[in-house]
Amino acid sequence: MIDLLQAAPHVRMLRDRLLVVKAGGACLDAAGRAALARQLAVIQDLGARVVLVHGAGPQTDLLQRALGEEPEKIGGRRRTTPGALRALRHASQGEVNGDLGAALTAAGARAVGVDAGASGVLRARRRPPVTLDGREVDFGEVGDLVELRPRLLQDLLAGGWMPVLGPPAGDGEGGFLNVNADLVAAELAVALEASKLVLLLDVPGLLQDPEDPSSLLSFLDLGQLQGLEAAGALRQGMAVKARAVARALEGGVRRVHLVSGREPEALLGELYTDAGTGTLVTLHREAAEEVPV
């Protein structure tokens, strides 16, 4: 239970501030959706503005298999065949987005789903083949973001709504491309001048030892995070999250939080208590001593 006296200064500091929150698909089973929705409804009621970005990895895997195709991952990244892209579109916009919106509405939040690709909020360019371990790899229908059009999200926020969006992005020619939701969240946080980017994980935060949940690192600056990556301590998806953290901080977002998306009150504990519950990353160590907005 959060101490309201301790929470009060954090409530004041976050009032009218913008947070971009990204939830991975692994955290979004029925119980996870309900817990996240309850927390985000409280955050909205306390006066913060929120943009929610979601992934849909496990849901896409299930649907891709149902369509008769085994998912293929290379270095932790999905090779997006036309069948995988179809599965992603149905899983992300047809399932996860709607389920999240319904859970948020049931929890009392003012939320609205946004098809980021069809609406033109996100536009990507197909990624060319890359060289991995000495061989050329084509990841298929995968894109790199080239344009953000945040006006729709800004209008929704101004009207008191919480936009909810996830991959895929549009390609500008009537098609779609798979884009990484962590990087989408980072780019949106920069474009919208968010005070915070929050990445929700299926672990408590950033771990010094990926095999030991008790090795949580409560605070890092960007240089220390990059040192962990250079040392090989960040594996597969966490390495992509490190890129998202760096992009956000270097783009002007003051604080990035990596928090459990499975614990039912971890997000509230991170934002509204002195101790927090996950990992805070800032550009420089001195920034952690500044007013925590």
C-alpha atoms as a PDB file:
ATOM      1  CA  MET A   1       0.000   0.000   0.000  1.00  0.00           C
ATOM      2  CA  ILE A   2       1.392   3.397  -0.972  1.00  0.00           C
ATOM      3  CA  ASP A   3       1.717   6.015   1.794  1.00  0.00           C
ATOM      4  CA  LEU A   4      -0.346   8.995   0.625  1.00  0.00           C
ATOM      5  CA  LEU A   5       1.761  11.477   2.605  1.00  0.00           C
ATOM      6  CA  GLN A   6       4.891  10.178   0.893  1.00  0.00           C
ATOM      7  CA  ALA A   7       3.142  10.123  -2.469  1.00  0.00           C
ATOM      8  CA  ALA A   8       1.831  13.699  -2.301  1.00  0.00           C
ATOM      9  CA  PRO A   9       5.020  15.458  -3.542  1.00  0.00           C
ATOM     10  CA  HIS A  10       5.245  13.028  -6.465  1.00  0.00           C
ATOM     11  CA  VAL A  11       1.593  13.620  -7.317  1.00  0.00           C
ATOM     12  CA  ARG A  12       2.194  17.367  -7.416  1.00  0.00           C
ATOM     13  CA  MET A  13       5.316  17.007  -9.555  1.00  0.00           C
ATOM     14  CA  LEU A  14       3.640  14.705 -12.076  1.00  0.00           C
ATOM     15  CA  ARG A  15       0.408  16.682 -12.402  1.00  0.00           C
ATOM     16  CA  ASP A  16      -0.046  17.763 -16.043  1.00  0.00           C
ATOM     17  CA  ARG A  17       3.199  16.013 -16.996  1.00  0.00           C
ATOM     18  CA  LEU A  18       3.266  13.631 -19.936  1.00  0.00           C
ATOM     19  CA  LEU A  19       4.361  10.010 -19.517  1.00  0.00           C
ATOM     20  CA  VAL A  20       4.911   7.547 -22.342  1.00  0.00           C
ATOM     21  CA  VAL A  21       4.411   4.016 -21.000  1.00  0.00           C
ATOM     22  CA  LYS A  22       5.317   0.948 -23.035  1.00  0.00           C
ATOM     23  CA  ALA A  23       3.965  -2.477 -22.070  1.00  0.00           C
ATOM     24  CA  GLY A  24       5.354  -5.623 -23.662  1.00  0.00           C
ATOM     25  CA  GLY A  25       2.962  -8.298 -24.868  1.00  0.00           C
ATOM     26  CA  ALA A  26       4.372 -10.756 -22.327  1.00  0.00           C
ATOM     27  CA  CYS A  27       2.886  -8.603 -19.543  1.00  0.00           C
ATOM     28  CA  LEU A  28      -0.550  -8.358 -21.129  1.00  0.00           C
ATOM     29  CA  ASP A  29      -2.404 -11.521 -20.228  1.00  0.00           C
ATOM     30  CA  ALA A  30      -5.826 -10.971 -18.643  1.00  0.00           C
ATOM     31  CA  ALA A  31      -4.440 -10.409 -15.128  1.00  0.00           C
ATOM     32  CA  GLY A  32      -1.638  -8.178 -16.398  1.00  0.00           C
ATOM     33  CA  ARG A  33      -4.016  -6.038 -18.457  1.00  0.00           C
ATOM     34  CA  ALA A  34      -6.339  -5.556 -15.498  1.00  0.00           C
ATOM     35  CA  ALA A  35      -3.498  -4.604 -13.124  1.00  0.00           C
ATOM     36  CA  LEU A  36      -1.965  -2.183 -15.636  1.00  0.00           C
ATOM     37  CA  ALA A  37      -5.354  -0.627 -16.381  1.00  0.00           C
ATOM     38  CA  ARG A  38      -6.053  -0.036 -12.689  1.00  0.00           C
ATOM     39  CA  GLN A  39      -2.703   1.681 -12.224  1.00  0.00           C
ATOM     40  CA  LEU A  40      -2.984   3.824 -15.352  1.00  0.00           C
ATOM     41  CA  ALA A  41      -6.514   4.891 -14.375  1.00  0.00           C
ATOM     42  CA  VAL A  42      -5.149   6.079 -11.026  1.00  0.00           C
ATOM     43  CA  ILE A  43      -2.262   7.910 -12.715  1.00  0.00           C
ATOM     44  CA  GLN A  44      -4.719   9.660 -15.032  1.00  0.00           C
ATOM     45  CA  ASP A  45      -6.980  10.553 -12.097  1.00  0.00           C
ATOM     46  CA  LEU A  46      -3.972  12.039 -10.287  1.00  0.00           C
ATOM     47  CA  GLY A  47      -3.479  14.482 -13.130  1.00  0.00           C
ATOM     48  CA  ALA A  48      -0.719  13.002 -15.275  1.00  0.00           C
ATOM     49  CA  ARG A  49      -1.221  12.545 -19.011  1.00  0.00           C
ATOM     50  CA  VAL A  50      -0.326   9.172 -20.505  1.00  0.00           C
ATOM     51  CA  VAL A  51       0.363   7.713 -23.932  1.00  0.00           C
ATOM     52  CA  LEU A  52       0.361   3.906 -23.785  1.00  0.00           C
ATOM     53  CA  VAL A  53       2.387   1.944 -26.340  1.00  0.00           C
ATOM     54  CA  HIS A  54       2.019  -1.829 -26.429  1.00  0.00           C
ATOM     55  CA  GLY A  55       3.771  -4.769 -27.991  1.00  0.00           C
ATOM     56  CA  ALA A  56       2.212  -8.035 -29.106  1.00  0.00           C
ATOM     57  CA  GLY A  57       5.047 -10.548 -29.406  1.00  0.00           C
ATOM     58  CA  PRO A  58       3.579 -13.658 -27.702  1.00  0.00           C
ATOM     59  CA  GLN A  59       0.141 -12.967 -29.163  1.00  0.00           C
ATOM     60  CA  THR A  60       1.664 -12.741 -32.648  1.00  0.00           C
ATOM     61  CA  ASP A  61       3.515 -16.035 -32.124  1.00  0.00           C
ATOM     62  CA  LEU A  62       0.277 -17.809 -31.207  1.00  0.00           C
ATOM     63  CA  LEU A  63      -1.625 -16.439 -34.166  1.00  0.00           C
ATOM     64  CA  GLN A  64       1.220 -17.098 -36.590  1.00  0.00           C
ATOM     65  CA  ARG A  65       1.256 -20.741 -35.531  1.00  0.00           C
ATOM     66  CA  ALA A  66      -2.537 -20.895 -35.889  1.00  0.00           C
ATOM     67  CA  LEU A  67      -2.058 -19.644 -39.452  1.00  0.00           C
ATOM     68  CA  GLY A  68       0.326 -22.528 -40.106  1.00  0.00           C
ATOM     69  CA  GLU A  69       3.705 -20.800 -39.861  1.00  0.00           C
ATOM     70  CA  GLU A  70       6.345 -21.245 -37.180  1.00  0.00           C
ATOM     71  CA  PRO A  71       7.760 -17.929 -35.904  1.00  0.00           C
ATOM     72  CA  GLU A  72      11.433 -17.394 -36.701  1.00  0.00           C
ATOM     73  CA  LYS A  73      13.672 -15.305 -34.452  1.00  0.00           C
ATOM     74  CA  ILE A  74      17.227 -14.327 -35.365  1.00  0.00           C
ATOM     75  CA  GLY A  75      19.271 -12.801 -32.564  1.00  0.00           C
ATOM     76  CA  GLY A  76      16.058 -12.280 -30.610  1.00  0.00           C
ATOM     77  CA  ARG A  77      14.418 -10.362 -33.486  1.00  0.00           C
ATOM     78  CA  ARG A  78      11.438 -11.569 -35.469  1.00  0.00           C
ATOM     79  CA  ARG A  79      11.890 -12.361 -39.135  1.00  0.00           C
ATOM     80  CA  THR A  80       8.667 -10.881 -40.452  1.00  0.00           C
ATOM     81  CA  THR A  81       7.341 -12.867 -43.386  1.00  0.00           C
ATOM     82  CA  PRO A  82       4.082 -11.769 -45.049  1.00  0.00           C
ATOM     83  CA  GLY A  83       2.347 -14.357 -42.858  1.00  0.00           C
ATOM     84  CA  ALA A  84       4.036 -13.006 -39.729  1.00  0.00           C
ATOM     85  CA  LEU A  85       3.016  -9.464 -40.654  1.00  0.00           C
ATOM     86  CA  ARG A  86      -0.583 -10.601 -41.081  1.00  0.00           C
ATOM     87  CA  ALA A  87      -0.434 -12.272 -37.672  1.00  0.00           C
ATOM     88  CA  LEU A  88       1.072  -9.133 -36.124  1.00  0.00           C
ATOM     89  CA  ARG A  89      -1.638  -6.886 -37.551  1.00  0.00           C
ATOM     90  CA  HIS A  90      -4.430  -9.112 -36.235  1.00  0.00           C
ATOM     91  CA  ALA A  91      -2.762  -9.723 -32.862  1.00  0.00           C
ATOM     92  CA  SER A  92      -1.780  -6.107 -32.235  1.00  0.00           C
ATOM     93  CA  GLN A  93      -4.712  -4.097 -33.541  1.00  0.00           C
ATOM     94  CA  GLY A  94      -7.364  -6.810 -33.514  1.00  0.00           C
ATOM     95  CA  GLU A  95      -6.634  -8.244 -30.073  1.00  0.00           C
ATOM     96  CA  VAL A  96      -4.158  -6.470 -27.781  1.00  0.00           C
ATOM     97  CA  ASN A  97      -5.201  -2.914 -28.595  1.00  0.00           C
ATOM     98  CA  GLY A  98      -8.888  -3.613 -28.139  1.00  0.00           C
ATOM     99  CA  ASP A  99      -8.377  -5.676 -24.979  1.00  0.00           C
ATOM    100  CA  LEU A 100      -6.256  -2.928 -23.431  1.00  0.00           C
ATOM    101  CA  GLY A 101      -8.762  -0.246 -24.312  1.00  0.00           C
ATOM    102  CA  ALA A 102     -11.594  -2.274 -22.817  1.00  0.00           C
ATOM    103  CA  ALA A 103      -9.609  -2.960 -19.624  1.00  0.00           C
ATOM    104  CA  LEU A 104      -8.747   0.729 -19.245  1.00  0.00           C
ATOM    105  CA  THR A 105     -12.363   1.767 -19.762  1.00  0.00           C
ATOM    106  CA  ALA A 106     -13.519  -0.808 -17.212  1.00  0.00           C
ATOM    107  CA  ALA A 107     -10.992   0.605 -14.739  1.00  0.00           C
ATOM    108  CA  GLY A 108     -12.411   4.104 -15.178  1.00  0.00           C
ATOM    109  CA  ALA A 109      -9.775   5.567 -17.499  1.00  0.00           C
ATOM    110  CA  ARG A 110     -10.547   7.730 -20.536  1.00  0.00           C
ATOM    111  CA  ALA A 111      -8.687   5.736 -23.186  1.00  0.00           C
ATOM    112  CA  VAL A 112      -8.967   5.312 -26.941  1.00  0.00           C
ATOM    113  CA  GLY A 113      -7.240   2.891 -29.284  1.00  0.00           C
ATOM    114  CA  VAL A 114      -5.260   4.298 -32.195  1.00  0.00           C
ATOM    115  CA  ASP A 115      -4.197   2.343 -35.293  1.00  0.00           C
ATOM    116  CA  ALA A 116      -0.779   3.944 -35.584  1.00  0.00           C
ATOM    117  CA  GLY A 117      -0.120   2.636 -39.090  1.00  0.00           C
ATOM    118  CA  ALA A 118      -3.496   3.292 -40.692  1.00  0.00           C
ATOM    119  CA  SER A 119      -3.807   6.751 -39.088  1.00  0.00           C
ATOM    120  CA  GLY A 120      -0.396   7.884 -40.309  1.00  0.00           C
ATOM    121  CA  VAL A 121       0.959   8.501 -36.803  1.00  0.00           C
ATOM    122  CA  LEU A 122       3.874   6.147 -37.577  1.00  0.00           C
ATOM    123  CA  ARG A 123       5.584   5.765 -40.938  1.00  0.00           C
ATOM    124  CA  ALA A 124       8.503   3.443 -41.564  1.00  0.00           C
ATOM    125  CA  ARG A 125      10.851   2.473 -44.376  1.00  0.00           C
ATOM    126  CA  ARG A 126      11.654  -1.167 -45.084  1.00  0.00           C
ATOM    127  CA  ARG A 127      14.948  -2.161 -43.513  1.00  0.00           C
ATOM    128  CA  PRO A 128      17.544  -3.498 -45.973  1.00  0.00           C
ATOM    129  CA  PRO A 129      19.285  -6.835 -45.318  1.00  0.00           C
ATOM    130  CA  VAL A 130      21.916  -6.737 -42.573  1.00  0.00           C
ATOM    131  CA  THR A 131      25.032  -8.774 -41.846  1.00  0.00           C
ATOM    132  CA  LEU A 132      24.891 -10.908 -38.690  1.00  0.00           C
ATOM    133  CA  ASP A 133      27.657 -13.309 -37.697  1.00  0.00           C
ATOM    134  CA  GLY A 134      29.168 -13.058 -41.139  1.00  0.00           C
ATOM    135  CA  ARG A 135      25.999 -13.798 -43.121  1.00  0.00           C
ATOM    136  CA  GLU A 136      23.418 -11.608 -44.781  1.00  0.00           C
ATOM    137  CA  VAL A 137      20.001 -11.668 -43.121  1.00  0.00           C
ATOM    138  CA  ASP A 138      16.791 -10.214 -44.532  1.00  0.00           C
ATOM    139  CA  PHE A 139      14.302  -9.614 -41.712  1.00  0.00           C
ATOM    140  CA  GLY A 140      11.481  -9.251 -44.203  1.00  0.00           C
ATOM    141  CA  GLU A 141       8.601  -6.847 -43.619  1.00  0.00           C
ATOM    142  CA  VAL A 142      10.469  -4.918 -40.919  1.00  0.00           C
ATOM    143  CA  GLY A 143      10.822  -1.154 -40.937  1.00  0.00           C
ATOM    144  CA  ASP A 144      12.760   1.663 -39.345  1.00  0.00           C
ATOM    145  CA  LEU A 145      10.747   4.700 -38.302  1.00  0.00           C
ATOM    146  CA  VAL A 146      11.231   7.672 -40.624  1.00  0.00           C
ATOM    147  CA  GLU A 147       8.324   9.910 -39.607  1.00  0.00           C
ATOM    148  CA  LEU A 148       6.110  10.578 -36.618  1.00  0.00           C
ATOM    149  CA  ARG A 149       2.942  12.628 -36.913  1.00  0.00           C
ATOM    150  CA  PRO A 150       1.955  13.196 -33.283  1.00  0.00           C
ATOM    151  CA  ARG A 151      -0.845  15.719 -33.897  1.00  0.00           C
ATOM    152  CA  LEU A 152      -3.609  13.133 -33.438  1.00  0.00           C
ATOM    153  CA  LEU A 153      -2.094  12.033 -30.131  1.00  0.00           C
ATOM    154  CA  GLN A 154      -1.702  15.647 -29.001  1.00  0.00           C
ATOM    155  CA  ASP A 155      -5.348  16.361 -29.818  1.00  0.00           C
ATOM    156  CA  LEU A 156      -6.470  13.303 -27.864  1.00  0.00           C
ATOM    157  CA  LEU A 157      -4.315  14.255 -24.885  1.00  0.00           C
ATOM    158  CA  ALA A 158      -5.689  17.800 -24.958  1.00  0.00           C
ATOM    159  CA  GLY A 159      -9.181  16.327 -24.798  1.00  0.00           C
ATOM    160  CA  GLY A 160      -8.336  14.308 -21.710  1.00  0.00           C
ATOM    161  CA  TRP A 161      -7.889  10.967 -23.482  1.00  0.00           C
ATOM    162  CA  MET A 162      -5.176   8.347 -23.106  1.00  0.00           C
ATOM    163  CA  PRO A 163      -4.073   7.183 -26.584  1.00  0.00           C
ATOM    164  CA  VAL A 164      -3.275   3.460 -26.837  1.00  0.00           C
ATOM    165  CA  LEU A 165      -1.202   2.336 -29.827  1.00  0.00           C
ATOM    166  CA  GLY A 166       1.263  -0.261 -31.013  1.00  0.00           C
ATOM    167  CA  PRO A 167       2.848  -1.726 -34.153  1.00  0.00           C
ATOM    168  CA  PRO A 168       2.771  -1.991 -37.074  1.00  0.00           C
ATOM    169  CA  ALA A 169       3.638   1.307 -38.789  1.00  0.00           C
ATOM    170  CA  GLY A 170       2.467   2.398 -42.205  1.00  0.00           C
ATOM    171  CA  ASP A 171       4.899   2.397 -45.105  1.00  0.00           C
ATOM    172  CA  GLY A 172       3.407   5.490 -46.759  1.00  0.00           C
ATOM    173  CA  GLU A 173       2.191   3.455 -49.733  1.00  0.00           C
ATOM    174  CA  GLY A 174      -0.825   1.718 -48.231  1.00  0.00           C
ATOM    175  CA  GLY A 175       1.112  -1.132 -46.632  1.00  0.00           C
ATOM    176  CA  PHE A 176       2.452  -1.931 -43.189  1.00  0.00           C
ATOM    177  CA  LEU A 177       5.821  -2.753 -41.612  1.00  0.00           C
ATOM    178  CA  ASN A 178       6.753  -4.313 -38.305  1.00  0.00           C
ATOM    179  CA  VAL A 179       8.509  -1.846 -35.996  1.00  0.00           C
ATOM    180  CA  ASN A 180       9.927  -2.356 -32.520  1.00  0.00           C
ATOM    181  CA  ALA A 181       7.524  -1.061 -29.875  1.00  0.00           C
ATOM    182  CA  ASP A 182      10.312  -0.013 -27.456  1.00  0.00           C
ATOM    183  CA  LEU A 183      11.859   2.200 -30.129  1.00  0.00           C
ATOM    184  CA  VAL A 184       8.421   3.534 -31.070  1.00  0.00           C
ATOM    185  CA  ALA A 185       7.836   4.509 -27.437  1.00  0.00           C
ATOM    186  CA  ALA A 186      11.217   6.249 -27.246  1.00  0.00           C
ATOM    187  CA  GLU A 187      10.608   8.224 -30.436  1.00  0.00           C
ATOM    188  CA  LEU A 188       7.145   9.234 -29.266  1.00  0.00           C
ATOM    189  CA  ALA A 189       8.530  10.325 -25.895  1.00  0.00           C
ATOM    190  CA  VAL A 190      11.018  12.582 -27.688  1.00  0.00           C
ATOM    191  CA  ALA A 191       8.496  13.946 -30.206  1.00  0.00           C
ATOM    192  CA  LEU A 192       5.886  14.665 -27.512  1.00  0.00           C
ATOM    193  CA  GLU A 193       8.488  16.110 -25.103  1.00  0.00           C
ATOM    194  CA  ALA A 194       7.476  13.651 -22.397  1.00  0.00           C
ATOM    195  CA  SER A 195       8.823  14.017 -18.875  1.00  0.00           C
ATOM    196  CA  LYS A 196       9.261  10.268 -18.504  1.00  0.00           C
ATOM    197  CA  LEU A 197       9.482   7.112 -20.561  1.00  0.00           C
ATOM    198  CA  VAL A 198       8.452   3.973 -18.678  1.00  0.00           C
ATOM    199  CA  LEU A 199       9.264   0.521 -20.064  1.00  0.00           C
ATOM    200  CA  LEU A 200       7.311  -2.287 -18.393  1.00  0.00           C
ATOM    201  CA  LEU A 201       9.142  -5.623 -18.285  1.00  0.00           C
ATOM    202  CA  ASP A 202       8.514  -9.209 -17.259  1.00  0.00           C
ATOM    203  CA  VAL A 203      11.331  -8.821 -14.679  1.00  0.00           C
ATOM    204  CA  PRO A 204      11.578  -6.346 -11.753  1.00  0.00           C
ATOM    205  CA  GLY A 205      13.805  -3.921 -13.676  1.00  0.00           C
ATOM    206  CA  LEU A 206      17.328  -3.936 -15.028  1.00  0.00           C
ATOM    207  CA  LEU A 207      19.248  -6.846 -13.514  1.00  0.00           C
ATOM    208  CA  GLN A 208      23.012  -6.966 -13.096  1.00  0.00           C
ATOM    209  CA  ASP A 209      22.732 -10.733 -13.481  1.00  0.00           C
ATOM    210  CA  PRO A 210      19.912 -11.653 -15.905  1.00  0.00           C
ATOM    211  CA  GLU A 211      19.502 -14.990 -14.099  1.00  0.00           C
ATOM    212  CA  ASP A 212      19.107 -13.427 -10.643  1.00  0.00           C
ATOM    213  CA  PRO A 213      15.933 -11.369  -9.986  1.00  0.00           C
ATOM    214  CA  SER A 214      17.477 -10.105  -6.730  1.00  0.00           C
ATOM    215  CA  SER A 215      20.296  -8.330  -8.615  1.00  0.00           C
ATOM    216  CA  LEU A 216      18.101  -5.324  -9.399  1.00  0.00           C
ATOM    217  CA  LEU A 217      19.954  -2.107 -10.192  1.00  0.00           C
ATOM    218  CA  SER A 218      17.943   0.799  -8.777  1.00  0.00           C
ATOM    219  CA  PHE A 219      19.805   3.556 -10.601  1.00  0.00           C
ATOM    220  CA  LEU A 220      22.099   3.916 -13.598  1.00  0.00           C
ATOM    221  CA  ASP A 221      23.248   6.740 -15.770  1.00  0.00           C
ATOM    222  CA  LEU A 222      23.451   6.221 -19.511  1.00  0.00           C
ATOM    223  CA  GLY A 223      27.191   5.566 -19.466  1.00  0.00           C
ATOM    224  CA  GLN A 224      26.763   2.768 -16.934  1.00  0.00           C
ATOM    225  CA  LEU A 225      23.935   1.258 -18.984  1.00  0.00           C
ATOM    226  CA  GLN A 226      26.104   1.269 -22.084  1.00  0.00           C
ATOM    227  CA  GLY A 227      28.894  -0.316 -20.045  1.00  0.00           C
ATOM    228  CA  LEU A 228      26.597  -3.191 -19.101  1.00  0.00           C
ATOM    229  CA  GLU A 229      25.704  -3.639 -22.756  1.00  0.00           C
ATOM    230  CA  ALA A 230      29.381  -3.668 -23.773  1.00  0.00           C
ATOM    231  CA  ALA A 231      30.043  -6.304 -21.114  1.00  0.00           C
ATOM    232  CA  GLY A 232      27.334  -8.559 -22.543  1.00  0.00           C
ATOM    233  CA  ALA A 233      25.018  -8.257 -19.539  1.00  0.00           C
ATOM    234  CA  LEU A 234      22.048  -7.175 -21.674  1.00  0.00           C
ATOM    235  CA  ARG A 235      20.593 -10.026 -23.681  1.00  0.00           C
ATOM    236  CA  GLN A 236      18.467  -9.977 -26.823  1.00  0.00           C
ATOM    237  CA  GLY A 237      15.381  -7.861 -26.130  1.00  0.00           C
ATOM    238  CA  MET A 238      17.039  -5.976 -23.278  1.00  0.00           C
ATOM    239  CA  ALA A 239      19.721  -4.723 -25.662  1.00  0.00           C
ATOM    240  CA  VAL A 240      17.002  -3.170 -27.836  1.00  0.00           C
ATOM    241  CA  LYS A 241      15.501  -1.588 -24.728  1.00  0.00           C
ATOM    242  CA  ALA A 242      18.923  -0.076 -23.981  1.00  0.00           C
ATOM    243  CA  ARG A 243      18.838   1.541 -27.425  1.00  0.00           C
ATOM    244  CA  ALA A 244      15.384   2.932 -26.660  1.00  0.00           C
ATOM    245  CA  VAL A 245      16.592   4.289 -23.314  1.00  0.00           C
ATOM    246  CA  ALA A 246      19.552   5.991 -24.987  1.00  0.00           C
ATOM    247  CA  ARG A 247      17.391   7.509 -27.728  1.00  0.00           C
ATOM    248  CA  ALA A 248      14.946   8.936 -25.195  1.00  0.00           C
ATOM    249  CA  LEU A 249      17.582  10.418 -22.901  1.00  0.00           C
ATOM    250  CA  GLU A 250      19.675  11.858 -25.722  1.00  0.00           C
ATOM    251  CA  GLY A 251      16.493  13.273 -27.243  1.00  0.00           C
ATOM    252  CA  GLY A 252      15.618  15.276 -24.145  1.00  0.00           C
ATOM    253  CA  VAL A 253      13.511  12.930 -21.974  1.00  0.00           C
ATOM    254  CA  ARG A 254      14.864  13.480 -18.483  1.00  0.00           C
ATOM    255  CA  ARG A 255      14.089  10.139 -16.880  1.00  0.00           C
ATOM    256  CA  VAL A 256      13.523   6.593 -18.090  1.00  0.00           C
ATOM    257  CA  HIS A 257      12.150   3.909 -15.783  1.00  0.00           C
ATOM    258  CA  LEU A 258      12.324   0.140 -16.279  1.00  0.00           C
ATOM    259  CA  VAL A 259       9.661  -1.440 -14.095  1.00  0.00           C
ATOM    260  CA  SER A 260       7.932  -4.775 -13.609  1.00  0.00           C
ATOM    261  CA  GLY A 261       4.803  -5.126 -15.695  1.00  0.00           C
ATOM    262  CA  ARG A 262       3.754  -8.186 -13.707  1.00  0.00           C
ATOM    263  CA  GLU A 263       3.604  -6.851 -10.144  1.00  0.00           C
ATOM    264  CA  PRO A 264       0.157  -5.310  -9.632  1.00  0.00           C
ATOM    265  CA  GLU A 265       1.345  -2.024  -8.050  1.00  0.00           C
ATOM    266  CA  ALA A 266       4.933  -1.739  -9.322  1.00  0.00           C
ATOM    267  CA  LEU A 267       4.220   1.168 -11.666  1.00  0.00           C
ATOM    268  CA  LEU A 268       2.519   3.226  -8.947  1.00  0.00           C
ATOM    269  CA  GLY A 269       5.323   2.373  -6.539  1.00  0.00           C
ATOM    270  CA  GLU A 270       7.940   3.528  -9.033  1.00  0.00           C
ATOM    271  CA  LEU A 271       6.272   6.843  -9.774  1.00  0.00           C
ATOM    272  CA  TYR A 272       4.809   7.817  -6.405  1.00  0.00           C
ATOM    273  CA  THR A 273       7.257   6.594  -3.743  1.00  0.00           C
ATOM    274  CA  ASP A 274      10.736   7.758  -2.804  1.00  0.00           C
ATOM    275  CA  ALA A 275      12.326   4.308  -3.059  1.00  0.00           C
ATOM    276  CA  GLY A 276      10.692   3.243  -6.324  1.00  0.00           C
ATOM    277  CA  THR A 277      10.375  -0.373  -7.396  1.00  0.00           C
ATOM    278  CA  GLY A 278      12.453  -0.715 -10.566  1.00  0.00           C
ATOM    279  CA  THR A 279      15.388   0.930 -12.315  1.00  0.00           C
ATOM    280  CA  LEU A 280      15.778   4.642 -12.992  1.00  0.00           C
ATOM    281  CA  VAL A 281      18.109   5.700 -15.818  1.00  0.00           C
ATOM    282  CA  THR A 282      19.187   9.297 -16.401  1.00  0.00           C
ATOM    283  CA  LEU A 283      21.583  10.876 -18.858  1.00  0.00           C
ATOM    284  CA  HIS A 284      24.072  11.834 -16.138  1.00  0.00           C
ATOM    285  CA  ARG A 285      24.333  10.774 -12.511  1.00  0.00           C
ATOM    286  CA  GLU A 286      23.769  14.353 -11.322  1.00  0.00           C
ATOM    287  CA  ALA A 287      20.299  14.301 -12.898  1.00  0.00           C
ATOM    288  CA  ALA A 288      19.112  11.802 -10.273  1.00  0.00           C
ATOM    289  CA  GLU A 289      19.560  14.478  -7.613  1.00  0.00           C
ATOM    290  CA  GLU A 290      17.408  17.016  -9.432  1.00  0.00           C
ATOM    291  CA  VAL A 291      13.675  17.451  -8.936  1.00  0.00           C
ATOM    292  CA  PRO A 292      12.198  14.131 -10.118  1.00  0.00           C
ATOM    293  CA  VAL A 293       9.841  15.205 -12.901  1.00  0.00           C
END
